[in-house]
Structures are given as structure tokens and as C-alpha cells.
Amino acid sequence: MLKIPEFISRLLLLLSFNLTAVIAAPATTGLPQVLVFSKTTGFRHDSIAAGIEAIGELGAKHSFQVESTEDANMFTAENLTRFKVVVFLSVTGDVLNPPQEKAFQEYLEAGGGFAAVHGAVFGPLACEDQWTWYGEMMGCAFADHSPVVPATILIEDTTHPANSGLPAHWKHSDEWYNFTGTPRTRAHILATVDETTYSGGKMGVDHPVTWCRTVGKGRMWYTALGHTSECFAEPLFRQQLLNGIRLVAGWTTGDLTPNKLPARP
């Protein structure tokens, strides 16, 4: 049996160790919050889990806190004010009811940030095809896609912070979306895919795959990349995700005005 003085001594030592551990632990309160929403009522991408993990790792490295959910009840006016950015990670189908849509629209138009990945584009086989506002914000609709094949992405705006660290000619394997219409003239096109480098493209020489724009006082950014789990392990695609989140959060400043004429490689 321990003697009383020895017991007290060990207790004080234990308390001292725990106090040191608490003080040394990194504080997470006060970090900017990013909500990753991945609810699906349509096609569900196997890459969603890898995407949540990747964005979480980006947050840990770049000082923002990530909360992931598939609960649409998170979309209330009061709750959304907690988040600097909302990410739709391959969200598909009709995932928000009218009050939730209203809360999200008001959040974004009041100055929020929105980043959408791959399947979260507007369309009957993609996301929220009955929500007119969502379609107008996106500027086009999903039509169909190629198989997963390698292709060359052409960075259109090489000085834009949303393209920071990306090569002007970026070779990447993905499922390449074709769209009805084009976001050009409605959004600032950041990158296109060169249809001469793969089979399955149907949009011709001007095939946008990444764009951004203002929405009221807020900002949106979309990338059509991200079909495979492997994408989220690629340093360049992670860089693109980080750039997009930083842009819509307002941590970087880039041109959001629509561009009319496609750049040529």
C-alpha cells in the first residue's frame, strides 16, 4: 500500500502531466469552419469518403476546421452562419427541401462561400434539377460523361489564385462531363479540357471544367473533376480543391467576372 505522502506526490505528478498535455494540444476553436455536405439521393460516388478525408487533411494542414455531414437539417439560416464555406461533394439528387434551399441561397447571396465538386453540378442526372436558382447559379447542366480516361486540362487563366500551382497543360484521368449549354459568359472560366486528347467529348474546342463567379455578395467555384477515389490522393487535384476553398472563403482574391472568349492553348 502506498504511503499518503507518496500517493499525493504521484497524484501531483499525474495532474502536472495532464495539464501540460492540455496546454500543448492545438486549439481548434476559433478556426474558420468548412462544411462538407455529401448527401445523395441519386448516383452515389465511391470517391465521397476519400474526398471527405482529403478535405479534412487540407483543413488540418491549412488551418481551417472541417465538419462533414449528410444531414440536410444542417441547412438553417442560424446554423449556416457558422461556416465560411459550404462544400457540395458529389451531392446528387433532390437533397434539400424548400426551406433548406432558401436558407442556403440566402447564406450564399449574403456573402457565403460555396465550392461544388463533380456530381454536384445542376441537372436531372446530377444535383437539384428542380431548383431553378441552383441551375442559374451553375450556368449549365450535366448531360453525360466519358469513361474514366486520361486527358489534358488547359488552364485558361494562368494568373488566377484558383489555379495556383497547377501546370498550364495538366494531364489528369477522370470521368469527363459534357454539359448542356456553357457557363461561359455567366462565370469566369478557369480551365477547359482538350477534347483532342480523349474520346467522349461533345462540346468542341470550348469545354469548361472549372469555373467561378459571384452570387450576390457571395462566391461560388465548381470543378467537374473528382470522380475517382484516386483523384483525392493526387497532389495537383488536392491543390485545386484547396485553391477553390480559399477563393470562395475570401482568403485569396481572384477575378470572378464572366469571360466571353475562350483562350487557346
C-alpha atoms as a PDB file:
ATOM      1  CA  MET A   1       0.000   0.000   0.000  1.00  0.00           C
ATOM      2  CA  LEU A   2       1.236   3.497  -0.891  1.00  0.00           C
ATOM      3  CA  LYS A   3       2.033   5.824   1.946  1.00  0.00           C
ATOM      4  CA  ILE A   4      -0.009   9.059   1.940  1.00  0.00           C
ATOM      5  CA  PRO A   5       2.893  11.366   1.029  1.00  0.00           C
ATOM      6  CA  GLU A   6       3.921   9.069  -1.832  1.00  0.00           C
ATOM      7  CA  PHE A   7       0.310   8.870  -3.086  1.00  0.00           C
ATOM      8  CA  ILE A   8       0.000  12.658  -3.074  1.00  0.00           C
ATOM      9  CA  SER A   9       3.318  13.016  -4.851  1.00  0.00           C
ATOM     10  CA  ARG A  10       2.254  10.667  -7.649  1.00  0.00           C
ATOM     11  CA  LEU A  11      -1.141  12.362  -7.940  1.00  0.00           C
ATOM     12  CA  LEU A  12       0.507  15.770  -8.323  1.00  0.00           C
ATOM     13  CA  LEU A  13       2.844  14.363 -10.962  1.00  0.00           C
ATOM     14  CA  LEU A  14      -0.097  12.914 -12.904  1.00  0.00           C
ATOM     15  CA  LEU A  15      -2.028  16.175 -12.712  1.00  0.00           C
ATOM     16  CA  SER A  16       1.028  18.091 -13.866  1.00  0.00           C
ATOM     17  CA  PHE A  17       1.435  15.779 -16.896  1.00  0.00           C
ATOM     18  CA  ASN A  18      -2.231  16.096 -17.906  1.00  0.00           C
ATOM     19  CA  LEU A  19      -2.166  19.880 -17.564  1.00  0.00           C
ATOM     20  CA  THR A  20       0.901  20.053 -19.798  1.00  0.00           C
ATOM     21  CA  ALA A  21      -0.824  17.882 -22.408  1.00  0.00           C
ATOM     22  CA  VAL A  22      -3.909  20.111 -22.430  1.00  0.00           C
ATOM     23  CA  ILE A  23      -1.834  23.280 -22.830  1.00  0.00           C
ATOM     24  CA  ALA A  24       0.234  21.724 -25.636  1.00  0.00           C
ATOM     25  CA  ALA A  25      -2.811  20.490 -27.587  1.00  0.00           C
ATOM     26  CA  PRO A  26      -3.602  22.695 -30.610  1.00  0.00           C
ATOM     27  CA  ALA A  27      -6.668  24.848 -30.103  1.00  0.00           C
ATOM     28  CA  THR A  28      -9.357  24.250 -32.738  1.00  0.00           C
ATOM     29  CA  THR A  29     -11.884  26.786 -31.505  1.00  0.00           C
ATOM     30  CA  GLY A  30     -11.729  29.978 -33.480  1.00  0.00           C
ATOM     31  CA  LEU A  31     -10.579  28.327 -36.720  1.00  0.00           C
ATOM     32  CA  PRO A  32     -12.660  29.064 -39.833  1.00  0.00           C
ATOM     33  CA  GLN A  33     -15.293  26.376 -40.345  1.00  0.00           C
ATOM     34  CA  VAL A  34     -15.903  24.474 -43.592  1.00  0.00           C
ATOM     35  CA  LEU A  35     -18.981  22.270 -44.001  1.00  0.00           C
ATOM     36  CA  VAL A  36     -18.640  19.292 -46.355  1.00  0.00           C
ATOM     37  CA  PHE A  37     -22.093  18.087 -47.430  1.00  0.00           C
ATOM     38  CA  SER A  38     -22.293  14.745 -49.246  1.00  0.00           C
ATOM     39  CA  LYS A  39     -25.918  13.630 -49.195  1.00  0.00           C
ATOM     40  CA  THR A  40     -27.046  11.678 -52.253  1.00  0.00           C
ATOM     41  CA  THR A  41     -30.471  10.581 -53.421  1.00  0.00           C
ATOM     42  CA  GLY A  42     -29.215   9.814 -56.910  1.00  0.00           C
ATOM     43  CA  PHE A  43     -25.997   8.128 -58.030  1.00  0.00           C
ATOM     44  CA  ARG A  44     -23.521   7.805 -55.183  1.00  0.00           C
ATOM     45  CA  HIS A  45     -19.833   8.196 -55.993  1.00  0.00           C
ATOM     46  CA  ASP A  46     -17.433   5.797 -54.306  1.00  0.00           C
ATOM     47  CA  SER A  47     -14.978   8.700 -54.046  1.00  0.00           C
ATOM     48  CA  ILE A  48     -17.017  10.590 -51.438  1.00  0.00           C
ATOM     49  CA  ALA A  49     -15.240   9.013 -48.462  1.00  0.00           C
ATOM     50  CA  ALA A  50     -11.846   9.792 -49.991  1.00  0.00           C
ATOM     51  CA  GLY A  51     -12.989  13.363 -50.652  1.00  0.00           C
ATOM     52  CA  ILE A  52     -14.072  13.922 -47.057  1.00  0.00           C
ATOM     53  CA  GLU A  53     -10.740  12.581 -45.847  1.00  0.00           C
ATOM     54  CA  ALA A  54      -8.771  14.745 -48.286  1.00  0.00           C
ATOM     55  CA  ILE A  55     -10.586  17.959 -47.379  1.00  0.00           C
ATOM     56  CA  GLY A  56     -10.147  17.148 -43.697  1.00  0.00           C
ATOM     57  CA  GLU A  57      -6.413  16.735 -44.220  1.00  0.00           C
ATOM     58  CA  LEU A  58      -6.250  20.014 -46.137  1.00  0.00           C
ATOM     59  CA  GLY A  59      -8.019  21.715 -43.254  1.00  0.00           C
ATOM     60  CA  ALA A  60      -5.618  20.288 -40.685  1.00  0.00           C
ATOM     61  CA  LYS A  61      -2.665  21.490 -42.748  1.00  0.00           C
ATOM     62  CA  HIS A  62      -4.033  24.903 -43.721  1.00  0.00           C
ATOM     63  CA  SER A  63      -5.806  25.996 -40.537  1.00  0.00           C
ATOM     64  CA  PHE A  64      -9.491  25.508 -41.180  1.00  0.00           C
ATOM     65  CA  GLN A  65     -11.795  23.100 -39.401  1.00  0.00           C
ATOM     66  CA  VAL A  66     -13.884  20.639 -41.405  1.00  0.00           C
ATOM     67  CA  GLU A  67     -17.270  19.286 -40.430  1.00  0.00           C
ATOM     68  CA  SER A  68     -18.836  16.662 -42.699  1.00  0.00           C
ATOM     69  CA  THR A  69     -22.491  15.702 -42.827  1.00  0.00           C
ATOM     70  CA  GLU A  70     -25.247  14.130 -44.891  1.00  0.00           C
ATOM     71  CA  ASP A  71     -27.928  15.705 -42.722  1.00  0.00           C
ATOM     72  CA  ALA A  72     -29.862  18.329 -44.695  1.00  0.00           C
ATOM     73  CA  ASN A  73     -31.266  19.653 -41.417  1.00  0.00           C
ATOM     74  CA  MET A  74     -27.925  21.456 -41.058  1.00  0.00           C
ATOM     75  CA  PHE A  75     -29.214  23.931 -43.647  1.00  0.00           C
ATOM     76  CA  THR A  76     -30.841  26.551 -41.471  1.00  0.00           C
ATOM     77  CA  ALA A  77     -30.109  30.272 -41.509  1.00  0.00           C
ATOM     78  CA  GLU A  78     -28.735  30.172 -37.976  1.00  0.00           C
ATOM     79  CA  ASN A  79     -26.518  27.133 -38.466  1.00  0.00           C
ATOM     80  CA  LEU A  80     -25.032  28.164 -41.822  1.00  0.00           C
ATOM     81  CA  THR A  81     -23.644  31.349 -40.316  1.00  0.00           C
ATOM     82  CA  ARG A  82     -21.068  29.155 -38.537  1.00  0.00           C
ATOM     83  CA  PHE A  83     -19.410  28.236 -41.829  1.00  0.00           C
ATOM     84  CA  LYS A  84     -17.048  30.209 -44.016  1.00  0.00           C
ATOM     85  CA  VAL A  85     -17.527  27.726 -46.868  1.00  0.00           C
ATOM     86  CA  VAL A  86     -20.045  25.028 -47.753  1.00  0.00           C
ATOM     87  CA  VAL A  87     -18.733  22.239 -49.998  1.00  0.00           C
ATOM     88  CA  PHE A  88     -21.129  20.068 -52.017  1.00  0.00           C
ATOM     89  CA  LEU A  89     -19.053  16.902 -52.501  1.00  0.00           C
ATOM     90  CA  SER A  90     -20.632  14.977 -55.396  1.00  0.00           C
ATOM     91  CA  VAL A  91     -24.069  15.705 -53.957  1.00  0.00           C
ATOM     92  CA  THR A  92     -26.702  14.187 -56.260  1.00  0.00           C
ATOM     93  CA  GLY A  93     -30.459  14.237 -56.439  1.00  0.00           C
ATOM     94  CA  ASP A  94     -33.009  16.420 -54.679  1.00  0.00           C
ATOM     95  CA  VAL A  95     -31.260  16.776 -51.331  1.00  0.00           C
ATOM     96  CA  LEU A  96     -32.712  19.985 -49.836  1.00  0.00           C
ATOM     97  CA  ASN A  97     -36.338  20.841 -49.169  1.00  0.00           C
ATOM     98  CA  PRO A  98     -37.648  24.364 -49.959  1.00  0.00           C
ATOM     99  CA  PRO A  99     -36.866  25.910 -46.514  1.00  0.00           C
ATOM    100  CA  GLN A 100     -33.355  24.428 -46.655  1.00  0.00           C
ATOM    101  CA  GLU A 101     -32.877  25.732 -50.195  1.00  0.00           C
ATOM    102  CA  LYS A 102     -33.989  29.186 -49.058  1.00  0.00           C
ATOM    103  CA  ALA A 103     -31.533  29.135 -46.136  1.00  0.00           C
ATOM    104  CA  PHE A 104     -28.649  28.125 -48.397  1.00  0.00           C
ATOM    105  CA  GLN A 105     -29.499  30.664 -51.094  1.00  0.00           C
ATOM    106  CA  GLU A 106     -29.674  33.456 -48.520  1.00  0.00           C
ATOM    107  CA  TYR A 107     -26.395  32.295 -46.936  1.00  0.00           C
ATOM    108  CA  LEU A 108     -24.595  32.453 -50.264  1.00  0.00           C
ATOM    109  CA  GLU A 109     -26.120  35.689 -51.518  1.00  0.00           C
ATOM    110  CA  ALA A 110     -25.323  37.379 -48.206  1.00  0.00           C
ATOM    111  CA  GLY A 111     -21.604  36.678 -48.616  1.00  0.00           C
ATOM    112  CA  GLY A 112     -21.034  32.982 -48.005  1.00  0.00           C
ATOM    113  CA  GLY A 113     -18.685  30.705 -49.930  1.00  0.00           C
ATOM    114  CA  PHE A 114     -19.724  27.665 -51.994  1.00  0.00           C
ATOM    115  CA  ALA A 115     -17.441  25.038 -53.543  1.00  0.00           C
ATOM    116  CA  ALA A 116     -19.018  22.269 -55.635  1.00  0.00           C
ATOM    117  CA  VAL A 117     -17.258  19.102 -56.743  1.00  0.00           C
ATOM    118  CA  HIS A 118     -18.026  16.788 -59.683  1.00  0.00           C
ATOM    119  CA  GLY A 119     -21.547  15.346 -59.290  1.00  0.00           C
ATOM    120  CA  ALA A 120     -22.818  18.486 -57.543  1.00  0.00           C
ATOM    121  CA  VAL A 121     -23.399  20.252 -60.872  1.00  0.00           C
ATOM    122  CA  PHE A 122     -27.013  21.021 -61.822  1.00  0.00           C
ATOM    123  CA  GLY A 123     -29.026  18.514 -63.861  1.00  0.00           C
ATOM    124  CA  PRO A 124     -31.644  15.727 -63.830  1.00  0.00           C
ATOM    125  CA  LEU A 125     -28.902  13.107 -63.549  1.00  0.00           C
ATOM    126  CA  ALA A 126     -26.828  15.233 -61.194  1.00  0.00           C
ATOM    127  CA  CYS A 127     -27.918  17.684 -58.472  1.00  0.00           C
ATOM    128  CA  GLU A 128     -31.113  19.646 -57.641  1.00  0.00           C
ATOM    129  CA  ASP A 129     -32.593  19.677 -61.148  1.00  0.00           C
ATOM    130  CA  GLN A 130     -35.912  21.126 -59.888  1.00  0.00           C
ATOM    131  CA  TRP A 131     -34.243  24.124 -58.216  1.00  0.00           C
ATOM    132  CA  THR A 132     -34.147  26.887 -60.825  1.00  0.00           C
ATOM    133  CA  TRP A 133     -31.891  29.152 -58.773  1.00  0.00           C
ATOM    134  CA  TYR A 134     -29.288  26.380 -58.460  1.00  0.00           C
ATOM    135  CA  GLY A 135     -29.251  25.855 -62.216  1.00  0.00           C
ATOM    136  CA  GLU A 136     -28.885  29.559 -62.909  1.00  0.00           C
ATOM    137  CA  MET A 137     -26.023  29.756 -60.432  1.00  0.00           C
ATOM    138  CA  MET A 138     -24.199  26.845 -62.095  1.00  0.00           C
ATOM    139  CA  GLY A 139     -24.727  28.243 -65.567  1.00  0.00           C
ATOM    140  CA  CYS A 140     -25.173  24.883 -67.309  1.00  0.00           C
ATOM    141  CA  ALA A 141     -26.462  21.358 -66.716  1.00  0.00           C
ATOM    142  CA  PHE A 142     -24.912  17.899 -66.754  1.00  0.00           C
ATOM    143  CA  ALA A 143     -25.668  15.922 -69.924  1.00  0.00           C
ATOM    144  CA  ASP A 144     -23.487  12.797 -69.934  1.00  0.00           C
ATOM    145  CA  HIS A 145     -19.870  11.735 -69.482  1.00  0.00           C
ATOM    146  CA  SER A 146     -16.970   9.838 -70.949  1.00  0.00           C
ATOM    147  CA  PRO A 147     -15.424   6.774 -69.336  1.00  0.00           C
ATOM    148  CA  VAL A 148     -12.589   7.406 -66.898  1.00  0.00           C
ATOM    149  CA  VAL A 149      -9.739   8.234 -69.274  1.00  0.00           C
ATOM    150  CA  PRO A 150      -6.643  10.450 -69.266  1.00  0.00           C
ATOM    151  CA  ALA A 151      -6.940  13.860 -70.899  1.00  0.00           C
ATOM    152  CA  THR A 152      -5.218  17.235 -70.885  1.00  0.00           C
ATOM    153  CA  ILE A 153      -6.686  20.139 -68.934  1.00  0.00           C
ATOM    154  CA  LEU A 154      -5.853  23.584 -70.284  1.00  0.00           C
ATOM    155  CA  ILE A 155      -5.512  26.227 -67.590  1.00  0.00           C
ATOM    156  CA  GLU A 156      -7.261  29.241 -69.084  1.00  0.00           C
ATOM    157  CA  ASP A 157      -6.421  31.903 -66.504  1.00  0.00           C
ATOM    158  CA  THR A 158      -2.822  31.162 -65.569  1.00  0.00           C
ATOM    159  CA  THR A 159      -2.523  34.028 -63.067  1.00  0.00           C
ATOM    160  CA  HIS A 160      -5.701  33.293 -61.125  1.00  0.00           C
ATOM    161  CA  PRO A 161      -5.176  32.176 -57.490  1.00  0.00           C
ATOM    162  CA  ALA A 162      -7.698  29.385 -58.068  1.00  0.00           C
ATOM    163  CA  ASN A 163      -5.146  27.903 -60.495  1.00  0.00           C
ATOM    164  CA  SER A 164      -2.109  28.466 -58.291  1.00  0.00           C
ATOM    165  CA  GLY A 165       0.392  25.619 -58.524  1.00  0.00           C
ATOM    166  CA  LEU A 166      -1.325  23.943 -61.483  1.00  0.00           C
ATOM    167  CA  PRO A 167       0.542  23.328 -64.755  1.00  0.00           C
ATOM    168  CA  ALA A 168      -0.730  25.125 -67.850  1.00  0.00           C
ATOM    169  CA  HIS A 169      -1.225  21.720 -69.510  1.00  0.00           C
ATOM    170  CA  TRP A 170      -2.361  19.326 -66.781  1.00  0.00           C
ATOM    171  CA  LYS A 171      -2.611  15.630 -67.634  1.00  0.00           C
ATOM    172  CA  HIS A 172      -5.296  14.035 -65.482  1.00  0.00           C
ATOM    173  CA  SER A 173      -7.512  10.931 -65.551  1.00  0.00           C
ATOM    174  CA  ASP A 174     -11.194  11.394 -64.790  1.00  0.00           C
ATOM    175  CA  GLU A 175     -14.750  10.952 -65.990  1.00  0.00           C
ATOM    176  CA  TRP A 176     -15.193  13.958 -68.261  1.00  0.00           C
ATOM    177  CA  TYR A 177     -18.592  15.626 -68.060  1.00  0.00           C
ATOM    178  CA  ASN A 178     -20.382  17.039 -71.070  1.00  0.00           C
ATOM    179  CA  PHE A 179     -22.822  19.863 -70.340  1.00  0.00           C
ATOM    180  CA  THR A 180     -25.922  21.309 -71.954  1.00  0.00           C
ATOM    181  CA  GLY A 181     -25.042  24.918 -72.560  1.00  0.00           C
ATOM    182  CA  THR A 182     -21.930  26.545 -71.179  1.00  0.00           C
ATOM    183  CA  PRO A 183     -21.154  28.604 -68.097  1.00  0.00           C
ATOM    184  CA  ARG A 184     -19.044  30.931 -70.240  1.00  0.00           C
ATOM    185  CA  THR A 185     -20.414  34.493 -70.284  1.00  0.00           C
ATOM    186  CA  ARG A 186     -22.069  33.722 -66.929  1.00  0.00           C
ATOM    187  CA  ALA A 187     -18.967  32.681 -64.981  1.00  0.00           C
ATOM    188  CA  HIS A 188     -15.215  33.121 -65.017  1.00  0.00           C
ATOM    189  CA  ILE A 189     -13.801  30.049 -66.757  1.00  0.00           C
ATOM    190  CA  LEU A 190     -10.670  28.785 -65.052  1.00  0.00           C
ATOM    191  CA  ALA A 191      -9.894  25.648 -67.067  1.00  0.00           C
ATOM    192  CA  THR A 192     -11.105  23.611 -70.039  1.00  0.00           C
ATOM    193  CA  VAL A 193     -10.416  20.064 -71.180  1.00  0.00           C
ATOM    194  CA  ASP A 194      -8.817  19.466 -74.582  1.00  0.00           C
ATOM    195  CA  GLU A 195     -11.203  17.125 -76.399  1.00  0.00           C
ATOM    196  CA  THR A 196      -8.492  16.141 -78.881  1.00  0.00           C
ATOM    197  CA  THR A 197      -6.712  14.282 -76.058  1.00  0.00           C
ATOM    198  CA  TYR A 198      -9.514  11.797 -75.269  1.00  0.00           C
ATOM    199  CA  SER A 199     -12.647  10.171 -76.675  1.00  0.00           C
ATOM    200  CA  GLY A 200     -16.110  11.080 -75.439  1.00  0.00           C
ATOM    201  CA  GLY A 201     -16.058  14.876 -75.553  1.00  0.00           C
ATOM    202  CA  LYS A 202     -19.102  16.509 -77.175  1.00  0.00           C
ATOM    203  CA  MET A 203     -18.599  20.238 -76.583  1.00  0.00           C
ATOM    204  CA  GLY A 204     -15.872  21.054 -79.065  1.00  0.00           C
ATOM    205  CA  VAL A 205     -12.947  23.405 -78.609  1.00  0.00           C
ATOM    206  CA  ASP A 206     -14.510  25.219 -75.649  1.00  0.00           C
ATOM    207  CA  HIS A 207     -15.217  22.629 -72.951  1.00  0.00           C
ATOM    208  CA  PRO A 208     -15.085  24.246 -69.472  1.00  0.00           C
ATOM    209  CA  VAL A 209     -14.369  22.020 -66.462  1.00  0.00           C
ATOM    210  CA  THR A 210     -13.679  24.577 -63.719  1.00  0.00           C
ATOM    211  CA  TRP A 211     -15.238  27.985 -63.159  1.00  0.00           C
ATOM    212  CA  CYS A 212     -16.134  30.577 -60.530  1.00  0.00           C
ATOM    213  CA  ARG A 213     -18.449  33.559 -60.161  1.00  0.00           C
ATOM    214  CA  THR A 214     -20.107  35.913 -57.711  1.00  0.00           C
ATOM    215  CA  VAL A 215     -23.567  35.074 -56.382  1.00  0.00           C
ATOM    216  CA  GLY A 216     -24.967  38.193 -54.763  1.00  0.00           C
ATOM    217  CA  LYS A 217     -22.310  39.101 -52.197  1.00  0.00           C
ATOM    218  CA  GLY A 218     -21.025  35.517 -52.117  1.00  0.00           C
ATOM    219  CA  ARG A 219     -18.732  33.421 -54.298  1.00  0.00           C
ATOM    220  CA  MET A 220     -19.047  30.017 -55.941  1.00  0.00           C
ATOM    221  CA  TRP A 221     -16.471  27.683 -57.508  1.00  0.00           C
ATOM    222  CA  TYR A 222     -17.020  24.396 -59.327  1.00  0.00           C
ATOM    223  CA  THR A 223     -14.760  21.638 -60.578  1.00  0.00           C
ATOM    224  CA  ALA A 224     -16.006  18.794 -62.752  1.00  0.00           C
ATOM    225  CA  LEU A 225     -13.052  16.694 -61.601  1.00  0.00           C
ATOM    226  CA  GLY A 226     -13.222  14.181 -58.763  1.00  0.00           C
ATOM    227  CA  HIS A 227     -14.946  11.002 -59.967  1.00  0.00           C
ATOM    228  CA  THR A 228     -12.405   8.508 -58.659  1.00  0.00           C
ATOM    229  CA  SER A 229     -11.060   7.968 -55.172  1.00  0.00           C
ATOM    230  CA  GLU A 230      -7.568   8.148 -56.645  1.00  0.00           C
ATOM    231  CA  CYS A 231      -8.181  11.786 -57.639  1.00  0.00           C
ATOM    232  CA  PHE A 232      -8.256  12.821 -53.998  1.00  0.00           C
ATOM    233  CA  ALA A 233      -4.787  11.399 -53.403  1.00  0.00           C
ATOM    234  CA  GLU A 234      -3.287  13.381 -56.301  1.00  0.00           C
ATOM    235  CA  PRO A 235      -1.298  16.430 -55.166  1.00  0.00           C
ATOM    236  CA  LEU A 236      -2.461  18.576 -58.102  1.00  0.00           C
ATOM    237  CA  PHE A 237      -6.145  17.823 -57.556  1.00  0.00           C
ATOM    238  CA  ARG A 238      -5.742  18.483 -53.832  1.00  0.00           C
ATOM    239  CA  GLN A 239      -4.123  21.775 -54.755  1.00  0.00           C
ATOM    240  CA  GLN A 240      -7.102  22.619 -56.948  1.00  0.00           C
ATOM    241  CA  LEU A 241      -9.522  21.798 -54.105  1.00  0.00           C
ATOM    242  CA  LEU A 242      -7.568  23.937 -51.678  1.00  0.00           C
ATOM    243  CA  ASN A 243      -7.431  26.806 -54.172  1.00  0.00           C
ATOM    244  CA  GLY A 244     -11.185  26.662 -54.695  1.00  0.00           C
ATOM    245  CA  ILE A 245     -11.975  26.639 -50.989  1.00  0.00           C
ATOM    246  CA  ARG A 246      -9.591  29.515 -50.363  1.00  0.00           C
ATOM    247  CA  LEU A 247     -11.105  31.532 -53.206  1.00  0.00           C
ATOM    248  CA  VAL A 248     -14.725  31.265 -52.085  1.00  0.00           C
ATOM    249  CA  ALA A 249     -13.743  31.819 -48.462  1.00  0.00           C
ATOM    250  CA  GLY A 250     -12.214  35.137 -49.497  1.00  0.00           C
ATOM    251  CA  TRP A 251      -8.735  34.141 -48.325  1.00  0.00           C
ATOM    252  CA  THR A 252      -7.453  34.831 -51.838  1.00  0.00           C
ATOM    253  CA  THR A 253      -8.704  37.419 -54.299  1.00  0.00           C
ATOM    254  CA  GLY A 254      -9.243  36.478 -57.927  1.00  0.00           C
ATOM    255  CA  ASP A 255     -11.235  37.670 -60.923  1.00  0.00           C
ATOM    256  CA  LEU A 256     -14.835  36.443 -60.721  1.00  0.00           C
ATOM    257  CA  THR A 257     -16.192  38.367 -63.700  1.00  0.00           C
ATOM    258  CA  PRO A 258     -17.542  36.329 -66.637  1.00  0.00           C
ATOM    259  CA  ASN A 259     -15.200  35.858 -69.589  1.00  0.00           C
ATOM    260  CA  LYS A 260     -16.575  35.643 -73.090  1.00  0.00           C
ATOM    261  CA  LEU A 261     -13.913  34.325 -75.404  1.00  0.00           C
ATOM    262  CA  PRO A 262     -12.132  31.001 -74.873  1.00  0.00           C
ATOM    263  CA  ALA A 263      -8.377  31.077 -74.544  1.00  0.00           C
ATOM    264  CA  ARG A 264      -6.406  28.935 -76.966  1.00  0.00           C
ATOM    265  CA  PRO A 265      -3.514  26.668 -75.910  1.00  0.00           C
END
